Amino acid sequence: MISYLKGTVASIIKSSSNRVILILEVNACGYEMQIPARLSQELTAGEQTQIFTHLQVREEQPSLYGFGSSVQRDLFRLLIGVSGIGAALAIALLDTFDISDLVQAIVSNNTQLLLQTPGVGGKTAERICLELKSKLVSWSQTAGLATTTAAIPLAPNILEEVQAALLAVGYSPSEISQALTAVSQNALVPKNASPEEWMKQAMTWLSSQ
């Protein structure tokens, strides 16, 4: 119904429930919409901007959601199409990962990384991968995102150990996803390398970025 809105950032409100609300003034009319926290960091009150929107109506109560790009908005729509995934959880996923890293985590079945999103449990992560993997492979090509369907070649328990260690030293889920994907594609790193070696290689890659 509303594909996008161009207007002036009137205000950004952070609620006690961690929701971020943008008031966008368009032709003297203020549109209230929930946006990812990542987007709020890119906006400044009084500036002109374009926001891509999704209108959701539940129990006759309309809710407007705003995004910085049509790709992010379309990924949000794919996420809420998964059984049991609501708007709040979809936005949490978009806040935890860069778009390309989130898509890569899903198409490579990296459920352990998805678990770093607040509110995402094991079954939810598995459902997201199961329902979206094939859709995102084709969608990402249309959206211009480079992905690989190959899973990171580590046993789940070792992968979890490596990811937990990298999180503990301060790397974000998106950084970890990029690093482990890069290391897994390095022919010089044996696939049976120890967790310590994977962590060393991942941190070397991260420090070079």
C-alpha atoms as a PDB file:
ATOM      1  CA  MET A   1       0.000   0.000   0.000  1.00  0.00           C
ATOM      2  CA  ILE A   2       2.812   2.425   0.898  1.00  0.00           C
ATOM      3  CA  SER A   3       6.078   1.506  -0.807  1.00  0.00           C
ATOM      4  CA  TYR A   4       8.156   4.369   0.545  1.00  0.00           C
ATOM      5  CA  LEU A   5       7.926   7.828   2.079  1.00  0.00           C
ATOM      6  CA  LYS A   6      10.129  10.870   1.501  1.00  0.00           C
ATOM      7  CA  GLY A   7      10.131  13.480   4.193  1.00  0.00           C
ATOM      8  CA  THR A   8      11.822  15.096   7.174  1.00  0.00           C
ATOM      9  CA  VAL A   9      12.924  13.252  10.296  1.00  0.00           C
ATOM     10  CA  ALA A  10      10.790  14.896  12.975  1.00  0.00           C
ATOM     11  CA  SER A  11      11.946  12.748  15.894  1.00  0.00           C
ATOM     12  CA  ILE A  12      13.329   9.360  16.898  1.00  0.00           C
ATOM     13  CA  ILE A  13      11.918   7.799  20.042  1.00  0.00           C
ATOM     14  CA  LYS A  14      13.396   4.817  21.894  1.00  0.00           C
ATOM     15  CA  SER A  15      10.755   3.131  24.029  1.00  0.00           C
ATOM     16  CA  SER A  16      11.269   1.153  27.235  1.00  0.00           C
ATOM     17  CA  SER A  17      10.534  -2.041  25.286  1.00  0.00           C
ATOM     18  CA  ASN A  18      13.593  -1.404  23.052  1.00  0.00           C
ATOM     19  CA  ARG A  19      11.393  -0.410  20.123  1.00  0.00           C
ATOM     20  CA  VAL A  20      12.698   2.490  18.047  1.00  0.00           C
ATOM     21  CA  ILE A  21      10.011   4.779  16.636  1.00  0.00           C
ATOM     22  CA  LEU A  22      10.583   7.225  13.812  1.00  0.00           C
ATOM     23  CA  ILE A  23       8.245  10.146  13.218  1.00  0.00           C
ATOM     24  CA  LEU A  24       8.620  11.149   9.573  1.00  0.00           C
ATOM     25  CA  GLU A  25       6.927  14.356   8.465  1.00  0.00           C
ATOM     26  CA  VAL A  26       5.625  14.172   4.910  1.00  0.00           C
ATOM     27  CA  ASN A  27       3.644  17.142   3.560  1.00  0.00           C
ATOM     28  CA  ALA A  28       2.756  18.354   7.083  1.00  0.00           C
ATOM     29  CA  CYS A  29       1.636  14.857   8.092  1.00  0.00           C
ATOM     30  CA  GLY A  30       3.582  12.851  10.681  1.00  0.00           C
ATOM     31  CA  TYR A  31       3.943   9.124   9.981  1.00  0.00           C
ATOM     32  CA  GLU A  32       4.827   6.969  12.994  1.00  0.00           C
ATOM     33  CA  MET A  33       6.744   3.793  12.228  1.00  0.00           C
ATOM     34  CA  GLN A  34       8.978   1.280  13.957  1.00  0.00           C
ATOM     35  CA  ILE A  35      12.484   1.052  12.525  1.00  0.00           C
ATOM     36  CA  PRO A  36      15.595  -1.059  13.235  1.00  0.00           C
ATOM     37  CA  ALA A  37      17.964   0.502  15.754  1.00  0.00           C
ATOM     38  CA  ARG A  38      20.691   0.315  13.100  1.00  0.00           C
ATOM     39  CA  LEU A  39      18.706   2.700  10.898  1.00  0.00           C
ATOM     40  CA  SER A  40      18.148   5.175  13.727  1.00  0.00           C
ATOM     41  CA  GLN A  41      21.922   5.629  13.985  1.00  0.00           C
ATOM     42  CA  GLU A  42      21.982   6.843  10.393  1.00  0.00           C
ATOM     43  CA  LEU A  43      19.232   9.436  10.807  1.00  0.00           C
ATOM     44  CA  THR A  44      19.354  12.973  12.183  1.00  0.00           C
ATOM     45  CA  ALA A  45      16.409  15.093  13.242  1.00  0.00           C
ATOM     46  CA  GLY A  46      15.590  17.712  10.641  1.00  0.00           C
ATOM     47  CA  GLU A  47      17.199  15.934   7.711  1.00  0.00           C
ATOM     48  CA  GLN A  48      15.440  14.790   4.556  1.00  0.00           C
ATOM     49  CA  THR A  49      15.328  11.042   3.985  1.00  0.00           C
ATOM     50  CA  GLN A  50      13.564   8.271   2.117  1.00  0.00           C
ATOM     51  CA  ILE A  51      12.171   5.351   4.098  1.00  0.00           C
ATOM     52  CA  PHE A  52      10.919   2.112   2.552  1.00  0.00           C
ATOM     53  CA  THR A  53       7.867   0.882   4.395  1.00  0.00           C
ATOM     54  CA  HIS A  54       5.804  -2.167   5.218  1.00  0.00           C
ATOM     55  CA  LEU A  55       2.233  -1.809   6.454  1.00  0.00           C
ATOM     56  CA  GLN A  56       0.982  -4.623   8.666  1.00  0.00           C
ATOM     57  CA  VAL A  57      -2.630  -4.886   9.785  1.00  0.00           C
ATOM     58  CA  ARG A  58      -3.522  -7.286  12.595  1.00  0.00           C
ATOM     59  CA  GLU A  59      -6.855  -7.339  14.369  1.00  0.00           C
ATOM     60  CA  GLU A  60      -7.736  -4.128  12.526  1.00  0.00           C
ATOM     61  CA  GLN A  61      -4.722  -2.392  14.096  1.00  0.00           C
ATOM     62  CA  PRO A  62      -2.318  -1.019  11.443  1.00  0.00           C
ATOM     63  CA  SER A  63       1.408  -0.854  12.166  1.00  0.00           C
ATOM     64  CA  LEU A  64       3.972   0.784   9.903  1.00  0.00           C
ATOM     65  CA  TYR A  65       7.586  -0.421   9.723  1.00  0.00           C
ATOM     66  CA  GLY A  66      10.382   1.541   8.080  1.00  0.00           C
ATOM     67  CA  PHE A  67      13.691   0.517   6.498  1.00  0.00           C
ATOM     68  CA  GLY A  68      16.670   2.217   4.916  1.00  0.00           C
ATOM     69  CA  SER A  69      16.499   0.246   1.662  1.00  0.00           C
ATOM     70  CA  SER A  70      14.056  -1.807  -0.356  1.00  0.00           C
ATOM     71  CA  VAL A  71      16.344  -4.843   0.077  1.00  0.00           C
ATOM     72  CA  GLN A  72      16.129  -4.621   3.871  1.00  0.00           C
ATOM     73  CA  ARG A  73      12.360  -4.138   3.688  1.00  0.00           C
ATOM     74  CA  ASP A  74      11.966  -7.152   1.388  1.00  0.00           C
ATOM     75  CA  LEU A  75      14.126  -9.337   3.654  1.00  0.00           C
ATOM     76  CA  PHE A  76      11.936  -8.278   6.581  1.00  0.00           C
ATOM     77  CA  ARG A  77       8.904  -9.460   4.608  1.00  0.00           C
ATOM     78  CA  LEU A  78      10.548 -12.823   3.964  1.00  0.00           C
ATOM     79  CA  LEU A  79      11.388 -13.215   7.645  1.00  0.00           C
ATOM     80  CA  ILE A  80       7.868 -12.510   8.910  1.00  0.00           C
ATOM     81  CA  GLY A  81       6.634 -15.070   6.397  1.00  0.00           C
ATOM     82  CA  VAL A  82       8.343 -17.782   8.456  1.00  0.00           C
ATOM     83  CA  SER A  83       6.015 -19.598  10.841  1.00  0.00           C
ATOM     84  CA  GLY A  84       6.347 -18.130  14.330  1.00  0.00           C
ATOM     85  CA  ILE A  85       8.441 -15.112  13.301  1.00  0.00           C
ATOM     86  CA  GLY A  86       6.797 -11.811  14.122  1.00  0.00           C
ATOM     87  CA  ALA A  87       7.844  -8.277  13.283  1.00  0.00           C
ATOM     88  CA  ALA A  88       9.767  -7.790  16.539  1.00  0.00           C
ATOM     89  CA  LEU A  89      11.923 -10.860  15.989  1.00  0.00           C
ATOM     90  CA  ALA A  90      12.488  -9.997  12.319  1.00  0.00           C
ATOM     91  CA  ILE A  91      13.730  -6.536  13.305  1.00  0.00           C
ATOM     92  CA  ALA A  92      15.952  -8.081  16.002  1.00  0.00           C
ATOM     93  CA  LEU A  93      17.587 -10.239  13.321  1.00  0.00           C
ATOM     94  CA  LEU A  94      18.125  -7.215  11.079  1.00  0.00           C
ATOM     95  CA  ASP A  95      19.646  -5.333  14.006  1.00  0.00           C
ATOM     96  CA  THR A  96      22.003  -8.180  14.902  1.00  0.00           C
ATOM     97  CA  PHE A  97      23.389  -8.753  11.400  1.00  0.00           C
ATOM     98  CA  ASP A  98      24.247  -6.859   8.267  1.00  0.00           C
ATOM     99  CA  ILE A  99      21.892  -7.910   5.477  1.00  0.00           C
ATOM    100  CA  SER A 100      24.476  -9.966   3.578  1.00  0.00           C
ATOM    101  CA  ASP A 101      25.675 -11.695   6.761  1.00  0.00           C
ATOM    102  CA  LEU A 102      22.138 -12.601   7.817  1.00  0.00           C
ATOM    103  CA  VAL A 103      21.372 -14.064   4.404  1.00  0.00           C
ATOM    104  CA  GLN A 104      24.674 -15.971   4.429  1.00  0.00           C
ATOM    105  CA  ALA A 105      23.985 -17.396   7.895  1.00  0.00           C
ATOM    106  CA  ILE A 106      20.598 -18.676   6.745  1.00  0.00           C
ATOM    107  CA  VAL A 107      21.640 -20.175   3.403  1.00  0.00           C
ATOM    108  CA  SER A 108      24.624 -21.901   5.036  1.00  0.00           C
ATOM    109  CA  ASN A 109      22.447 -23.309   7.853  1.00  0.00           C
ATOM    110  CA  ASN A 110      24.535 -21.528  10.482  1.00  0.00           C
ATOM    111  CA  THR A 111      21.947 -21.824  13.239  1.00  0.00           C
ATOM    112  CA  GLN A 112      24.541 -21.294  15.966  1.00  0.00           C
ATOM    113  CA  LEU A 113      25.177 -17.786  14.725  1.00  0.00           C
ATOM    114  CA  LEU A 114      21.466 -16.994  14.454  1.00  0.00           C
ATOM    115  CA  LEU A 115      21.170 -17.892  18.149  1.00  0.00           C
ATOM    116  CA  GLN A 116      23.062 -14.687  18.975  1.00  0.00           C
ATOM    117  CA  THR A 117      19.900 -12.740  18.148  1.00  0.00           C
ATOM    118  CA  PRO A 118      17.863 -11.938  21.279  1.00  0.00           C
ATOM    119  CA  GLY A 119      14.700 -14.047  21.277  1.00  0.00           C
ATOM    120  CA  VAL A 120      15.915 -16.644  18.777  1.00  0.00           C
ATOM    121  CA  GLY A 121      16.085 -20.185  20.153  1.00  0.00           C
ATOM    122  CA  GLY A 122      17.342 -23.379  18.598  1.00  0.00           C
ATOM    123  CA  LYS A 123      14.051 -24.475  17.035  1.00  0.00           C
ATOM    124  CA  THR A 124      13.377 -20.989  15.709  1.00  0.00           C
ATOM    125  CA  ALA A 125      16.829 -20.795  14.103  1.00  0.00           C
ATOM    126  CA  GLU A 126      16.320 -24.198  12.468  1.00  0.00           C
ATOM    127  CA  ARG A 127      12.886 -23.153  11.179  1.00  0.00           C
ATOM    128  CA  ILE A 128      14.276 -19.954   9.672  1.00  0.00           C
ATOM    129  CA  CYS A 129      16.951 -21.899   7.787  1.00  0.00           C
ATOM    130  CA  LEU A 130      14.538 -24.620   6.710  1.00  0.00           C
ATOM    131  CA  GLU A 131      11.881 -22.261   5.356  1.00  0.00           C
ATOM    132  CA  LEU A 132      14.108 -19.564   3.868  1.00  0.00           C
ATOM    133  CA  LYS A 133      17.286 -21.228   2.605  1.00  0.00           C
ATOM    134  CA  SER A 134      16.077 -22.012  -0.915  1.00  0.00           C
ATOM    135  CA  LYS A 135      14.105 -18.756  -1.193  1.00  0.00           C
ATOM    136  CA  LEU A 136      17.095 -16.648  -0.194  1.00  0.00           C
ATOM    137  CA  VAL A 137      19.466 -18.333  -2.633  1.00  0.00           C
ATOM    138  CA  SER A 138      17.427 -17.046  -5.594  1.00  0.00           C
ATOM    139  CA  TRP A 139      16.326 -13.818  -3.887  1.00  0.00           C
ATOM    140  CA  SER A 140      19.882 -12.823  -3.000  1.00  0.00           C
ATOM    141  CA  GLN A 141      20.882 -13.007  -6.660  1.00  0.00           C
ATOM    142  CA  THR A 142      18.041 -10.679  -7.619  1.00  0.00           C
ATOM    143  CA  ALA A 143      18.958  -8.359  -4.746  1.00  0.00           C
ATOM    144  CA  GLY A 144      22.612  -8.321  -5.771  1.00  0.00           C
ATOM    145  CA  LEU A 145      23.918 -10.106  -2.668  1.00  0.00           C
ATOM    146  CA  ALA A 146      26.803 -12.559  -2.982  1.00  0.00           C
ATOM    147  CA  THR A 147      26.228 -15.750  -0.997  1.00  0.00           C
ATOM    148  CA  THR A 148      27.388 -19.341  -0.910  1.00  0.00           C
ATOM    149  CA  THR A 149      25.203 -22.285   0.081  1.00  0.00           C
ATOM    150  CA  ALA A 150      28.142 -24.187   1.520  1.00  0.00           C
ATOM    151  CA  ALA A 151      27.935 -24.605   5.271  1.00  0.00           C
ATOM    152  CA  ILE A 152      31.001 -23.847   7.381  1.00  0.00           C
ATOM    153  CA  PRO A 153      32.740 -27.258   7.566  1.00  0.00           C
ATOM    154  CA  LEU A 154      32.853 -27.602  11.331  1.00  0.00           C
ATOM    155  CA  ALA A 155      31.005 -29.963  13.643  1.00  0.00           C
ATOM    156  CA  PRO A 156      28.185 -28.078  15.416  1.00  0.00           C
ATOM    157  CA  ASN A 157      29.827 -28.349  18.848  1.00  0.00           C
ATOM    158  CA  ILE A 158      33.174 -27.055  17.538  1.00  0.00           C
ATOM    159  CA  LEU A 159      31.486 -24.282  15.549  1.00  0.00           C
ATOM    160  CA  GLU A 160      29.644 -23.205  18.687  1.00  0.00           C
ATOM    161  CA  GLU A 161      32.912 -23.203  20.647  1.00  0.00           C
ATOM    162  CA  VAL A 162      34.688 -21.057  18.077  1.00  0.00           C
ATOM    163  CA  GLN A 163      31.783 -18.598  17.786  1.00  0.00           C
ATOM    164  CA  ALA A 164      31.428 -18.323  21.568  1.00  0.00           C
ATOM    165  CA  ALA A 165      35.142 -17.607  21.949  1.00  0.00           C
ATOM    166  CA  LEU A 166      35.068 -14.904  19.289  1.00  0.00           C
ATOM    167  CA  LEU A 167      31.980 -13.331  20.845  1.00  0.00           C
ATOM    168  CA  ALA A 168      33.725 -13.335  24.223  1.00  0.00           C
ATOM    169  CA  VAL A 169      36.582 -11.209  22.902  1.00  0.00           C
ATOM    170  CA  GLY A 170      34.196  -8.640  21.507  1.00  0.00           C
ATOM    171  CA  TYR A 171      33.507  -9.509  17.879  1.00  0.00           C
ATOM    172  CA  SER A 172      29.959  -9.086  16.600  1.00  0.00           C
ATOM    173  CA  PRO A 173      27.898 -11.902  15.032  1.00  0.00           C
ATOM    174  CA  SER A 174      28.253 -10.237  11.633  1.00  0.00           C
ATOM    175  CA  GLU A 175      32.045 -10.050  11.947  1.00  0.00           C
ATOM    176  CA  ILE A 176      32.208 -13.682  13.066  1.00  0.00           C
ATOM    177  CA  SER A 177      30.032 -14.817  10.167  1.00  0.00           C
ATOM    178  CA  GLN A 178      32.265 -13.044   7.648  1.00  0.00           C
ATOM    179  CA  ALA A 179      35.465 -14.344   9.229  1.00  0.00           C
ATOM    180  CA  LEU A 180      34.433 -18.001   9.461  1.00  0.00           C
ATOM    181  CA  THR A 181      33.039 -17.961   5.936  1.00  0.00           C
ATOM    182  CA  ALA A 182      36.326 -16.498   4.668  1.00  0.00           C
ATOM    183  CA  VAL A 183      38.421 -19.028   6.601  1.00  0.00           C
ATOM    184  CA  SER A 184      36.272 -21.931   5.396  1.00  0.00           C
ATOM    185  CA  GLN A 185      37.010 -20.910   1.806  1.00  0.00           C
ATOM    186  CA  ASN A 186      40.779 -20.760   2.434  1.00  0.00           C
ATOM    187  CA  ALA A 187      42.288 -23.890   0.892  1.00  0.00           C
ATOM    188  CA  LEU A 188      45.354 -23.531   3.129  1.00  0.00           C
ATOM    189  CA  VAL A 189      43.310 -24.145   6.289  1.00  0.00           C
ATOM    190  CA  PRO A 190      42.648 -27.875   6.864  1.00  0.00           C
ATOM    191  CA  LYS A 191      38.972 -28.625   7.426  1.00  0.00           C
ATOM    192  CA  ASN A 192      39.955 -30.798  10.406  1.00  0.00           C
ATOM    193  CA  ALA A 193      41.943 -28.001  12.024  1.00  0.00           C
ATOM    194  CA  SER A 194      41.495 -27.556  15.767  1.00  0.00           C
ATOM    195  CA  PRO A 195      39.093 -24.968  17.237  1.00  0.00           C
ATOM    196  CA  GLU A 196      42.154 -22.996  18.343  1.00  0.00           C
ATOM    197  CA  GLU A 197      43.454 -22.894  14.764  1.00  0.00           C
ATOM    198  CA  TRP A 198      40.064 -21.751  13.445  1.00  0.00           C
ATOM    199  CA  MET A 199      39.951 -18.998  16.066  1.00  0.00           C
ATOM    200  CA  LYS A 200      43.509 -17.955  15.201  1.00  0.00           C
ATOM    201  CA  GLN A 201      42.743 -17.822  11.480  1.00  0.00           C
ATOM    202  CA  ALA A 202      39.453 -15.977  12.055  1.00  0.00           C
ATOM    203  CA  MET A 203      41.127 -13.355  14.261  1.00  0.00           C
ATOM    204  CA  THR A 204      43.930 -12.934  11.708  1.00  0.00           C
ATOM    205  CA  TRP A 205      41.327 -12.324   9.011  1.00  0.00           C
ATOM    206  CA  LEU A 206      39.398  -9.889  11.189  1.00  0.00           C
ATOM    207  CA  SER A 207      42.504  -7.901  12.103  1.00  0.00           C
ATOM    208  CA  SER A 208      43.300  -7.487   8.404  1.00  0.00           C
ATOM    209  CA  GLN A 209      39.943  -5.891   7.591  1.00  0.00           C
END
